[in-house]
Amino acid sequence: MEQNMSQFWTRFIRPGLDQVVHNLSFIGGKPIGSLVWKRLTFLVATPAIGLCMINAYYAAVGAAENQRREFIKYDHLRRRTKRFPWGNGERSLFHNREVNALTEGYEA
């Protein structure tokens, strides 16, 4: 049993750990590696996060300006084969009366 564990360690675990240590020395083990990650953080990641924030803001403003769509009663949408177990059974758990229509149309 002990010999099997020793063989398992030398054949599978040890080479994997050696490879991880080797890869880490290229990424951040040397001062040049940390400089690369520092530059990537400040020159790539930070502007990307800023652009995503601007995009989310304009998407939210645009969504607030949009009118809700005209209700068209399709047979395949808003089927209620079983009532919801809360409220009156018609509205979903996160129902929003301004956005979500019921089976017969929007609420007043």
PDB file of N, CA and C in Angstrom:
ATOM      1  N   MET A   1       0.820  -1.200   0.000  1.00  0.00           N
ATOM      2  CA  MET A   1       0.000   0.000   0.000  1.00  0.00           C
ATOM      3  C   MET A   1       0.867   1.269   0.000  1.00  0.00           C
ATOM      4  N   GLU A   2       1.904   1.235   0.848  1.00  0.00           N
ATOM      5  CA  GLU A   2       2.775   2.401   0.943  1.00  0.00           C
ATOM      6  C   GLU A   2       3.536   2.632  -0.352  1.00  0.00           C
ATOM      7  N   GLN A   3       3.904   1.554  -1.004  1.00  0.00           N
ATOM      8  CA  GLN A   3       4.627   1.658  -2.263  1.00  0.00           C
ATOM      9  C   GLN A   3       3.720   2.229  -3.354  1.00  0.00           C
ATOM     10  N   ASN A   4       2.445   1.862  -3.345  1.00  0.00           N
ATOM     11  CA  ASN A   4       1.503   2.396  -4.320  1.00  0.00           C
ATOM     12  C   ASN A   4       1.329   3.902  -4.165  1.00  0.00           C
ATOM     13  N   MET A   5       1.250   4.368  -2.934  1.00  0.00           N
ATOM     14  CA  MET A   5       1.115   5.805  -2.692  1.00  0.00           C
ATOM     15  C   MET A   5       2.373   6.545  -3.136  1.00  0.00           C
ATOM     16  N   SER A   6       3.516   5.928  -2.904  1.00  0.00           N
ATOM     17  CA  SER A   6       4.770   6.550  -3.318  1.00  0.00           C
ATOM     18  C   SER A   6       4.847   6.655  -4.844  1.00  0.00           C
ATOM     19  N   GLN A   7       4.424   5.606  -5.529  1.00  0.00           N
ATOM     20  CA  GLN A   7       4.406   5.639  -6.987  1.00  0.00           C
ATOM     21  C   GLN A   7       3.404   6.666  -7.500  1.00  0.00           C
ATOM     22  N   PHE A   8       2.253   6.735  -6.843  1.00  0.00           N
ATOM     23  CA  PHE A   8       1.235   7.720  -7.237  1.00  0.00           C
ATOM     24  C   PHE A   8       1.777   9.133  -7.093  1.00  0.00           C
ATOM     25  N   TRP A   9       2.481   9.384  -5.978  1.00  0.00           N
ATOM     26  CA  TRP A   9       3.055  10.700  -5.740  1.00  0.00           C
ATOM     27  C   TRP A   9       4.098  11.050  -6.801  1.00  0.00           C
ATOM     28  N   THR A  10       5.000  10.126  -7.086  1.00  0.00           N
ATOM     29  CA  THR A  10       6.084  10.434  -8.024  1.00  0.00           C
ATOM     30  C   THR A  10       5.611  10.481  -9.469  1.00  0.00           C
ATOM     31  N   ARG A  11       4.558   9.753  -9.823  1.00  0.00           N
ATOM     32  CA  ARG A  11       4.102   9.726 -11.217  1.00  0.00           C
ATOM     33  C   ARG A  11       3.108  10.841 -11.535  1.00  0.00           C
ATOM     34  N   PHE A  12       2.251  11.207 -10.586  1.00  0.00           N
ATOM     35  CA  PHE A  12       1.161  12.127 -10.904  1.00  0.00           C
ATOM     36  C   PHE A  12       1.224  13.453 -10.147  1.00  0.00           C
ATOM     37  N   ILE A  13       1.362  13.411  -8.860  1.00  0.00           N
ATOM     38  CA  ILE A  13       1.260  14.636  -8.047  1.00  0.00           C
ATOM     39  C   ILE A  13       2.504  15.502  -8.210  1.00  0.00           C
ATOM     40  N   ARG A  14       3.680  14.926  -8.051  1.00  0.00           N
ATOM     41  CA  ARG A  14       4.920  15.701  -8.092  1.00  0.00           C
ATOM     42  C   ARG A  14       5.115  16.438  -9.422  1.00  0.00           C
ATOM     43  N   PRO A  15       4.933  15.788 -10.592  1.00  0.00           N
ATOM     44  CA  PRO A  15       5.097  16.522 -11.859  1.00  0.00           C
ATOM     45  C   PRO A  15       4.079  17.653 -12.027  1.00  0.00           C
ATOM     46  N   GLY A  16       2.877  17.444 -11.525  1.00  0.00           N
ATOM     47  CA  GLY A  16       1.873  18.506 -11.611  1.00  0.00           C
ATOM     48  C   GLY A  16       2.250  19.713 -10.780  1.00  0.00           C
ATOM     49  N   LEU A  17       2.724  19.473  -9.568  1.00  0.00           N
ATOM     50  CA  LEU A  17       3.146  20.586  -8.710  1.00  0.00           C
ATOM     51  C   LEU A  17       4.361  21.304  -9.288  1.00  0.00           C
ATOM     52  N   ASP A  18       5.281  20.545  -9.853  1.00  0.00           N
ATOM     53  CA  ASP A  18       6.448  21.173 -10.484  1.00  0.00           C
ATOM     54  C   ASP A  18       6.026  22.074 -11.645  1.00  0.00           C
ATOM     55  N   GLN A  19       5.039  21.623 -12.409  1.00  0.00           N
ATOM     56  CA  GLN A  19       4.556  22.425 -13.538  1.00  0.00           C
ATOM     57  C   GLN A  19       3.875  23.702 -13.042  1.00  0.00           C
ATOM     58  N   VAL A  20       3.113  23.609 -11.961  1.00  0.00           N
ATOM     59  CA  VAL A  20       2.451  24.796 -11.403  1.00  0.00           C
ATOM     60  C   VAL A  20       3.494  25.808 -10.937  1.00  0.00           C
ATOM     61  N   VAL A  21       4.508  25.344 -10.226  1.00  0.00           N
ATOM     62  CA  VAL A  21       5.567  26.247  -9.754  1.00  0.00           C
ATOM     63  C   VAL A  21       6.289  26.884 -10.934  1.00  0.00           C
ATOM     64  N   HIS A  22       6.547  26.121 -11.967  1.00  0.00           N
ATOM     65  CA  HIS A  22       7.211  26.647 -13.162  1.00  0.00           C
ATOM     66  C   HIS A  22       6.368  27.728 -13.830  1.00  0.00           C
ATOM     67  N   ASN A  23       5.052  27.479 -13.952  1.00  0.00           N
ATOM     68  CA  ASN A  23       4.164  28.463 -14.581  1.00  0.00           C
ATOM     69  C   ASN A  23       4.040  29.728 -13.748  1.00  0.00           C
ATOM     70  N   LEU A  24       3.995  29.577 -12.429  1.00  0.00           N
ATOM     71  CA  LEU A  24       3.874  30.758 -11.572  1.00  0.00           C
ATOM     72  C   LEU A  24       5.118  31.629 -11.636  1.00  0.00           C
ATOM     73  N   SER A  25       6.264  31.028 -11.877  1.00  0.00           N
ATOM     74  CA  SER A  25       7.475  31.834 -11.961  1.00  0.00           C
ATOM     75  C   SER A  25       7.439  32.734 -13.199  1.00  0.00           C
ATOM     76  N   PHE A  26       6.742  32.300 -14.254  1.00  0.00           N
ATOM     77  CA  PHE A  26       6.613  33.143 -15.443  1.00  0.00           C
ATOM     78  C   PHE A  26       5.571  34.236 -15.251  1.00  0.00           C
ATOM     79  N   ILE A  27       4.540  33.981 -14.479  1.00  0.00           N
ATOM     80  CA  ILE A  27       3.443  34.949 -14.347  1.00  0.00           C
ATOM     81  C   ILE A  27       3.803  36.065 -13.380  1.00  0.00           C
ATOM     82  N   GLY A  28       4.102  35.724 -12.143  1.00  0.00           N
ATOM     83  CA  GLY A  28       4.308  36.785 -11.175  1.00  0.00           C
ATOM     84  C   GLY A  28       5.470  36.559 -10.237  1.00  0.00           C
ATOM     85  N   GLY A  29       6.259  35.552 -10.470  1.00  0.00           N
ATOM     86  CA  GLY A  29       7.353  35.252  -9.569  1.00  0.00           C
ATOM     87  C   GLY A  29       8.496  36.229  -9.666  1.00  0.00           C
ATOM     88  N   LYS A  30       8.672  36.842 -10.820  1.00  0.00           N
ATOM     89  CA  LYS A  30       9.763  37.786 -11.017  1.00  0.00           C
ATOM     90  C   LYS A  30       9.204  39.206 -11.016  1.00  0.00           C
ATOM     91  N   PRO A  31      10.037  40.188 -10.725  1.00  0.00           N
ATOM     92  CA  PRO A  31       9.547  41.562 -10.731  1.00  0.00           C
ATOM     93  C   PRO A  31       8.964  41.981 -12.086  1.00  0.00           C
ATOM     94  N   ILE A  32       9.485  41.441 -13.180  1.00  0.00           N
ATOM     95  CA  ILE A  32       8.973  41.823 -14.490  1.00  0.00           C
ATOM     96  C   ILE A  32       7.537  41.311 -14.657  1.00  0.00           C
ATOM     97  N   GLY A  33       7.237  40.143 -14.078  1.00  0.00           N
ATOM     98  CA  GLY A  33       5.882  39.599 -14.156  1.00  0.00           C
ATOM     99  C   GLY A  33       4.880  40.464 -13.417  1.00  0.00           C
ATOM    100  N   SER A  34       5.270  40.938 -12.245  1.00  0.00           N
ATOM    101  CA  SER A  34       4.356  41.792 -11.487  1.00  0.00           C
ATOM    102  C   SER A  34       4.148  43.122 -12.199  1.00  0.00           C
ATOM    103  N   LEU A  35       5.153  43.597 -12.889  1.00  0.00           N
ATOM    104  CA  LEU A  35       5.018  44.842 -13.633  1.00  0.00           C
ATOM    105  C   LEU A  35       4.019  44.678 -14.779  1.00  0.00           C
ATOM    106  N   VAL A  36       4.056  43.514 -15.427  1.00  0.00           N
ATOM    107  CA  VAL A  36       3.100  43.241 -16.506  1.00  0.00           C
ATOM    108  C   VAL A  36       1.674  43.251 -15.969  1.00  0.00           C
ATOM    109  N   TRP A  37       1.444  42.572 -14.840  1.00  0.00           N
ATOM    110  CA  TRP A  37       0.086  42.525 -14.280  1.00  0.00           C
ATOM    111  C   TRP A  37      -0.371  43.887 -13.783  1.00  0.00           C
ATOM    112  N   LYS A  38       0.559  44.680 -13.253  1.00  0.00           N
ATOM    113  CA  LYS A  38       0.214  46.027 -12.804  1.00  0.00           C
ATOM    114  C   LYS A  38      -0.220  46.880 -13.993  1.00  0.00           C
ATOM    115  N   ARG A  39       0.512  46.789 -15.082  1.00  0.00           N
ATOM    116  CA  ARG A  39       0.153  47.555 -16.284  1.00  0.00           C
ATOM    117  C   ARG A  39      -1.162  47.079 -16.877  1.00  0.00           C
ATOM    118  N   LEU A  40      -1.387  45.768 -16.907  1.00  0.00           N
ATOM    119  CA  LEU A  40      -2.661  45.252 -17.407  1.00  0.00           C
ATOM    120  C   LEU A  40      -3.832  45.743 -16.562  1.00  0.00           C
ATOM    121  N   THR A  41      -3.634  45.782 -15.261  1.00  0.00           N
ATOM    122  CA  THR A  41      -4.703  46.237 -14.373  1.00  0.00           C
ATOM    123  C   THR A  41      -5.054  47.693 -14.644  1.00  0.00           C
ATOM    124  N   PHE A  42      -4.048  48.550 -14.694  1.00  0.00           N
ATOM    125  CA  PHE A  42      -4.325  49.977 -14.819  1.00  0.00           C
ATOM    126  C   PHE A  42      -4.605  50.430 -16.242  1.00  0.00           C
ATOM    127  N   LEU A  43      -4.032  49.777 -17.225  1.00  0.00           N
ATOM    128  CA  LEU A  43      -4.200  50.231 -18.599  1.00  0.00           C
ATOM    129  C   LEU A  43      -5.301  49.506 -19.367  1.00  0.00           C
ATOM    130  N   VAL A  44      -5.695  48.329 -18.924  1.00  0.00           N
ATOM    131  CA  VAL A  44      -6.720  47.565 -19.632  1.00  0.00           C
ATOM    132  C   VAL A  44      -7.967  47.382 -18.779  1.00  0.00           C
ATOM    133  N   ALA A  45      -7.811  46.850 -17.585  1.00  0.00           N
ATOM    134  CA  ALA A  45      -8.968  46.500 -16.756  1.00  0.00           C
ATOM    135  C   ALA A  45      -9.736  47.729 -16.281  1.00  0.00           C
ATOM    136  N   THR A  46      -9.043  48.740 -15.802  1.00  0.00           N
ATOM    137  CA  THR A  46      -9.735  49.922 -15.275  1.00  0.00           C
ATOM    138  C   THR A  46     -10.522  50.663 -16.361  1.00  0.00           C
ATOM    139  N   PRO A  47      -9.971  50.929 -17.539  1.00  0.00           N
ATOM    140  CA  PRO A  47     -10.795  51.546 -18.583  1.00  0.00           C
ATOM    141  C   PRO A  47     -11.949  50.653 -19.038  1.00  0.00           C
ATOM    142  N   ALA A  48     -11.747  49.339 -19.053  1.00  0.00           N
ATOM    143  CA  ALA A  48     -12.823  48.428 -19.448  1.00  0.00           C
ATOM    144  C   ALA A  48     -13.971  48.491 -18.452  1.00  0.00           C
ATOM    145  N   ILE A  49     -13.665  48.563 -17.183  1.00  0.00           N
ATOM    146  CA  ILE A  49     -14.706  48.682 -16.159  1.00  0.00           C
ATOM    147  C   ILE A  49     -15.429  50.013 -16.304  1.00  0.00           C
ATOM    148  N   GLY A  50     -14.691  51.080 -16.576  1.00  0.00           N
ATOM    149  CA  GLY A  50     -15.322  52.385 -16.791  1.00  0.00           C
ATOM    150  C   GLY A  50     -16.264  52.386 -17.987  1.00  0.00           C
ATOM    151  N   LEU A  51     -15.849  51.766 -19.084  1.00  0.00           N
ATOM    152  CA  LEU A  51     -16.711  51.683 -20.267  1.00  0.00           C
ATOM    153  C   LEU A  51     -17.968  50.859 -19.987  1.00  0.00           C
ATOM    154  N   CYS A  52     -17.819  49.792 -19.234  1.00  0.00           N
ATOM    155  CA  CYS A  52     -18.994  48.987 -18.872  1.00  0.00           C
ATOM    156  C   CYS A  52     -19.961  49.781 -17.994  1.00  0.00           C
ATOM    157  N   MET A  53     -19.434  50.601 -17.092  1.00  0.00           N
ATOM    158  CA  MET A  53     -20.302  51.436 -16.252  1.00  0.00           C
ATOM    159  C   MET A  53     -21.059  52.460 -17.092  1.00  0.00           C
ATOM    160  N   ILE A  54     -20.379  53.079 -18.043  1.00  0.00           N
ATOM    161  CA  ILE A  54     -21.033  54.055 -18.919  1.00  0.00           C
ATOM    162  C   ILE A  54     -22.106  53.372 -19.762  1.00  0.00           C
ATOM    163  N   ASN A  55     -21.809  52.215 -20.292  1.00  0.00           N
ATOM    164  CA  ASN A  55     -22.771  51.467 -21.083  1.00  0.00           C
ATOM    165  C   ASN A  55     -24.003  51.092 -20.250  1.00  0.00           C
ATOM    166  N   ALA A  56     -23.800  50.634 -19.026  1.00  0.00           N
ATOM    167  CA  ALA A  56     -24.924  50.269 -18.160  1.00  0.00           C
ATOM    168  C   ALA A  56     -25.771  51.495 -17.818  1.00  0.00           C
ATOM    169  N   TYR A  57     -25.122  52.641 -17.603  1.00  0.00           N
ATOM    170  CA  TYR A  57     -25.863  53.858 -17.282  1.00  0.00           C
ATOM    171  C   TYR A  57     -26.758  54.277 -18.451  1.00  0.00           C
ATOM    172  N   TYR A  58     -26.184  54.310 -19.659  1.00  0.00           N
ATOM    173  CA  TYR A  58     -26.978  54.716 -20.821  1.00  0.00           C
ATOM    174  C   TYR A  58     -28.066  53.696 -21.153  1.00  0.00           C
ATOM    175  N   ALA A  59     -27.829  52.432 -20.880  1.00  0.00           N
ATOM    176  CA  ALA A  59     -28.868  51.418 -21.096  1.00  0.00           C
ATOM    177  C   ALA A  59     -30.013  51.629 -20.114  1.00  0.00           C
ATOM    178  N   ALA A  60     -29.700  51.994 -18.872  1.00  0.00           N
ATOM    179  CA  ALA A  60     -30.739  52.227 -17.877  1.00  0.00           C
ATOM    180  C   ALA A  60     -31.542  53.485 -18.209  1.00  0.00           C
ATOM    181  N   VAL A  61     -30.868  54.526 -18.670  1.00  0.00           N
ATOM    182  CA  VAL A  61     -31.570  55.760 -19.037  1.00  0.00           C
ATOM    183  C   VAL A  61     -32.463  55.504 -20.246  1.00  0.00           C
ATOM    184  N   GLY A  62     -31.959  54.770 -21.224  1.00  0.00           N
ATOM    185  CA  GLY A  62     -32.746  54.459 -22.410  1.00  0.00           C
ATOM    186  C   GLY A  62     -33.948  53.586 -22.093  1.00  0.00           C
ATOM    187  N   ALA A  63     -33.805  52.670 -21.151  1.00  0.00           N
ATOM    188  CA  ALA A  63     -34.918  51.802 -20.773  1.00  0.00           C
ATOM    189  C   ALA A  63     -35.990  52.589 -20.032  1.00  0.00           C
ATOM    190  N   ALA A  64     -35.580  53.604 -19.281  1.00  0.00           N
ATOM    191  CA  ALA A  64     -36.556  54.401 -18.548  1.00  0.00           C
ATOM    192  C   ALA A  64     -37.378  55.272 -19.501  1.00  0.00           C
ATOM    193  N   GLU A  65     -36.801  55.652 -20.619  1.00  0.00           N
ATOM    194  CA  GLU A  65     -37.513  56.516 -21.564  1.00  0.00           C
ATOM    195  C   GLU A  65     -38.475  55.741 -22.459  1.00  0.00           C
ATOM    196  N   ASN A  66     -38.236  54.446 -22.621  1.00  0.00           N
ATOM    197  CA  ASN A  66     -39.069  53.654 -23.527  1.00  0.00           C
ATOM    198  C   ASN A  66     -40.475  53.477 -22.973  1.00  0.00           C
ATOM    199  N   GLN A  67     -41.432  53.522 -23.870  1.00  0.00           N
ATOM    200  CA  GLN A  67     -42.800  53.210 -23.501  1.00  0.00           C
ATOM    201  C   GLN A  67     -42.967  51.701 -23.513  1.00  0.00           C
ATOM    202  N   ARG A  68     -43.940  51.212 -22.756  1.00  0.00           N
ATOM    203  CA  ARG A  68     -44.127  49.769 -22.778  1.00  0.00           C
ATOM    204  C   ARG A  68     -44.821  49.353 -24.062  1.00  0.00           C
ATOM    205  N   ARG A  69     -44.556  48.126 -24.462  1.00  0.00           N
ATOM    206  CA  ARG A  69     -45.053  47.624 -25.732  1.00  0.00           C
ATOM    207  C   ARG A  69     -46.561  47.425 -25.698  1.00  0.00           C
ATOM    208  N   GLU A  70     -47.144  47.490 -26.872  1.00  0.00           N
ATOM    209  CA  GLU A  70     -48.573  47.227 -26.986  1.00  0.00           C
ATOM    210  C   GLU A  70     -48.826  45.757 -26.670  1.00  0.00           C
ATOM    211  N   PHE A  71     -49.898  45.491 -25.925  1.00  0.00           N
ATOM    212  CA  PHE A  71     -50.204  44.119 -25.549  1.00  0.00           C
ATOM    213  C   PHE A  71     -50.891  43.402 -26.699  1.00  0.00           C
ATOM    214  N   ILE A  72     -50.329  42.279 -27.100  1.00  0.00           N
ATOM    215  CA  ILE A  72     -50.938  41.417 -28.107  1.00  0.00           C
ATOM    216  C   ILE A  72     -51.104  40.051 -27.452  1.00  0.00           C
ATOM    217  N   LYS A  73     -52.329  39.563 -27.444  1.00  0.00           N
ATOM    218  CA  LYS A  73     -52.594  38.301 -26.763  1.00  0.00           C
ATOM    219  C   LYS A  73     -52.284  37.141 -27.712  1.00  0.00           C
ATOM    220  N   TYR A  74     -51.134  36.507 -27.461  1.00  0.00           N
ATOM    221  CA  TYR A  74     -50.749  35.324 -28.212  1.00  0.00           C
ATOM    222  C   TYR A  74     -51.151  34.089 -27.411  1.00  0.00           C
ATOM    223  N   ASP A  75     -51.503  33.017 -28.113  1.00  0.00           N
ATOM    224  CA  ASP A  75     -51.934  31.802 -27.429  1.00  0.00           C
ATOM    225  C   ASP A  75     -50.792  31.101 -26.704  1.00  0.00           C
ATOM    226  N   HIS A  76     -49.572  31.235 -27.220  1.00  0.00           N
ATOM    227  CA  HIS A  76     -48.452  30.503 -26.648  1.00  0.00           C
ATOM    228  C   HIS A  76     -47.731  31.251 -25.521  1.00  0.00           C
ATOM    229  N   LEU A  77     -48.132  32.470 -25.237  1.00  0.00           N
ATOM    230  CA  LEU A  77     -47.493  33.241 -24.166  1.00  0.00           C
ATOM    231  C   LEU A  77     -48.410  33.359 -22.956  1.00  0.00           C
ATOM    232  N   ARG A  78     -47.809  33.533 -21.788  1.00  0.00           N
ATOM    233  CA  ARG A  78     -48.515  33.749 -20.527  1.00  0.00           C
ATOM    234  C   ARG A  78     -49.569  32.675 -20.250  1.00  0.00           C
ATOM    235  N   ARG A  79     -49.213  31.420 -20.466  1.00  0.00           N
ATOM    236  CA  ARG A  79     -50.105  30.305 -20.123  1.00  0.00           C
ATOM    237  C   ARG A  79     -50.055  30.090 -18.633  1.00  0.00           C
ATOM    238  N   ARG A  80     -51.199  29.881 -18.036  1.00  0.00           N
ATOM    239  CA  ARG A  80     -51.295  29.568 -16.612  1.00  0.00           C
ATOM    240  C   ARG A  80     -52.002  28.226 -16.479  1.00  0.00           C
ATOM    241  N   THR A  81     -51.228  27.140 -16.445  1.00  0.00           N
ATOM    242  CA  THR A  81     -51.830  25.822 -16.264  1.00  0.00           C
ATOM    243  C   THR A  81     -52.052  25.528 -14.792  1.00  0.00           C
ATOM    244  N   LYS A  82     -51.303  26.221 -13.937  1.00  0.00           N
ATOM    245  CA  LYS A  82     -51.452  26.050 -12.498  1.00  0.00           C
ATOM    246  C   LYS A  82     -51.255  27.419 -11.856  1.00  0.00           C
ATOM    247  N   ARG A  83     -52.072  27.749 -10.906  1.00  0.00           N
ATOM    248  CA  ARG A  83     -51.980  29.058 -10.254  1.00  0.00           C
ATOM    249  C   ARG A  83     -50.722  29.135  -9.392  1.00  0.00           C
ATOM    250  N   PHE A  84     -50.158  30.350  -9.283  1.00  0.00           N
ATOM    251  CA  PHE A  84     -49.009  30.548  -8.409  1.00  0.00           C
ATOM    252  C   PHE A  84     -49.465  30.394  -6.956  1.00  0.00           C
ATOM    253  N   PRO A  85     -48.623  29.868  -6.073  1.00  0.00           N
ATOM    254  CA  PRO A  85     -49.046  29.619  -4.687  1.00  0.00           C
ATOM    255  C   PRO A  85     -49.053  30.860  -3.794  1.00  0.00           C
ATOM    256  N   TRP A  86     -48.871  32.046  -4.336  1.00  0.00           N
ATOM    257  CA  TRP A  86     -48.881  33.263  -3.520  1.00  0.00           C
ATOM    258  C   TRP A  86     -49.832  34.276  -4.148  1.00  0.00           C
ATOM    259  N   GLY A  87     -50.240  35.212  -3.346  1.00  0.00           N
ATOM    260  CA  GLY A  87     -51.124  36.280  -3.835  1.00  0.00           C
ATOM    261  C   GLY A  87     -52.411  35.729  -4.396  1.00  0.00           C
ATOM    262  N   ASN A  88     -52.848  36.285  -5.509  1.00  0.00           N
ATOM    263  CA  ASN A  88     -54.080  35.813  -6.130  1.00  0.00           C
ATOM    264  C   ASN A  88     -53.817  34.684  -7.125  1.00  0.00           C
ATOM    265  N   GLY A  89     -52.575  34.258  -7.283  1.00  0.00           N
ATOM    266  CA  GLY A  89     -52.241  33.150  -8.165  1.00  0.00           C
ATOM    267  C   GLY A  89     -51.992  33.554  -9.600  1.00  0.00           C
ATOM    268  N   GLU A  90     -52.218  34.811  -9.945  1.00  0.00           N
ATOM    269  CA  GLU A  90     -52.064  35.268 -11.325  1.00  0.00           C
ATOM    270  C   GLU A  90     -50.712  35.923 -11.568  1.00  0.00           C
ATOM    271  N   ARG A  91     -50.144  36.562 -10.551  1.00  0.00           N
ATOM    272  CA  ARG A  91     -48.882  37.294 -10.704  1.00  0.00           C
ATOM    273  C   ARG A  91     -47.708  36.420 -10.265  1.00  0.00           C
ATOM    274  N   SER A  92     -46.574  36.550 -10.981  1.00  0.00           N
ATOM    275  CA  SER A  92     -45.379  35.806 -10.588  1.00  0.00           C
ATOM    276  C   SER A  92     -44.795  36.419  -9.318  1.00  0.00           C
ATOM    277  N   LEU A  93     -43.782  35.784  -8.761  1.00  0.00           N
ATOM    278  CA  LEU A  93     -43.222  36.240  -7.486  1.00  0.00           C
ATOM    279  C   LEU A  93     -42.591  37.624  -7.608  1.00  0.00           C
ATOM    280  N   PHE A  94     -41.948  37.916  -8.727  1.00  0.00           N
ATOM    281  CA  PHE A  94     -41.301  39.216  -8.929  1.00  0.00           C
ATOM    282  C   PHE A  94     -42.066  40.017  -9.976  1.00  0.00           C
ATOM    283  N   HIS A  95     -43.358  40.105  -9.835  1.00  0.00           N
ATOM    284  CA  HIS A  95     -44.206  40.788 -10.814  1.00  0.00           C
ATOM    285  C   HIS A  95     -44.005  42.300 -10.732  1.00  0.00           C
ATOM    286  N   ASN A  96     -43.902  42.933 -11.891  1.00  0.00           N
ATOM    287  CA  ASN A  96     -43.788  44.377 -11.988  1.00  0.00           C
ATOM    288  C   ASN A  96     -44.946  44.846 -12.858  1.00  0.00           C
ATOM    289  N   ARG A  97     -45.866  45.565 -12.290  1.00  0.00           N
ATOM    290  CA  ARG A  97     -47.091  45.917 -13.015  1.00  0.00           C
ATOM    291  C   ARG A  97     -46.845  46.847 -14.197  1.00  0.00           C
ATOM    292  N   GLU A  98     -45.710  47.538 -14.226  1.00  0.00           N
ATOM    293  CA  GLU A  98     -45.427  48.434 -15.351  1.00  0.00           C
ATOM    294  C   GLU A  98     -44.799  47.701 -16.534  1.00  0.00           C
ATOM    295  N   VAL A  99     -44.192  46.550 -16.297  1.00  0.00           N
ATOM    296  CA  VAL A  99     -43.479  45.840 -17.350  1.00  0.00           C
ATOM    297  C   VAL A  99     -44.144  44.516 -17.706  1.00  0.00           C
ATOM    298  N   ASN A 100     -44.571  43.753 -16.696  1.00  0.00           N
ATOM    299  CA  ASN A 100     -45.097  42.413 -16.915  1.00  0.00           C
ATOM    300  C   ASN A 100     -46.596  42.437 -17.115  1.00  0.00           C
ATOM    301  N   ALA A 101     -47.034  41.809 -18.188  1.00  0.00           N
ATOM    302  CA  ALA A 101     -48.465  41.729 -18.469  1.00  0.00           C
ATOM    303  C   ALA A 101     -49.045  40.471 -17.844  1.00  0.00           C
ATOM    304  N   LEU A 102     -50.331  40.536 -17.529  1.00  0.00           N
ATOM    305  CA  LEU A 102     -51.059  39.354 -17.073  1.00  0.00           C
ATOM    306  C   LEU A 102     -51.621  38.651 -18.297  1.00  0.00           C
ATOM    307  N   THR A 103     -52.420  37.616 -18.098  1.00  0.00           N
ATOM    308  CA  THR A 103     -52.945  36.872 -19.243  1.00  0.00           C
ATOM    309  C   THR A 103     -53.894  37.707 -20.090  1.00  0.00           C
ATOM    310  N   GLU A 104     -54.560  38.668 -19.490  1.00  0.00           N
ATOM    311  CA  GLU A 104     -55.535  39.493 -20.221  1.00  0.00           C
ATOM    312  C   GLU A 104     -54.989  40.866 -20.617  1.00  0.00           C
ATOM    313  N   GLY A 105     -53.805  41.230 -20.176  1.00  0.00           N
ATOM    314  CA  GLY A 105     -53.224  42.514 -20.533  1.00  0.00           C
ATOM    315  C   GLY A 105     -52.528  43.160 -19.356  1.00  0.00           C
ATOM    316  N   TYR A 106     -52.105  44.396 -19.564  1.00  0.00           N
ATOM    317  CA  TYR A 106     -51.415  45.119 -18.497  1.00  0.00           C
ATOM    318  C   TYR A 106     -52.410  45.587 -17.449  1.00  0.00           C
ATOM    319  N   GLU A 107     -51.894  45.770 -16.229  1.00  0.00           N
ATOM    320  CA  GLU A 107     -52.715  46.323 -15.174  1.00  0.00           C
ATOM    321  C   GLU A 107     -52.844  47.826 -15.365  1.00  0.00           C
ATOM    322  N   ALA A 108     -53.902  48.390 -14.885  1.00  0.00           N
ATOM    323  CA  ALA A 108     -54.133  49.836 -15.045  1.00  0.00           C
ATOM    324  C   ALA A 108     -53.242  50.651 -14.157  1.00  0.00           C
TER     325      ALA A 108
END
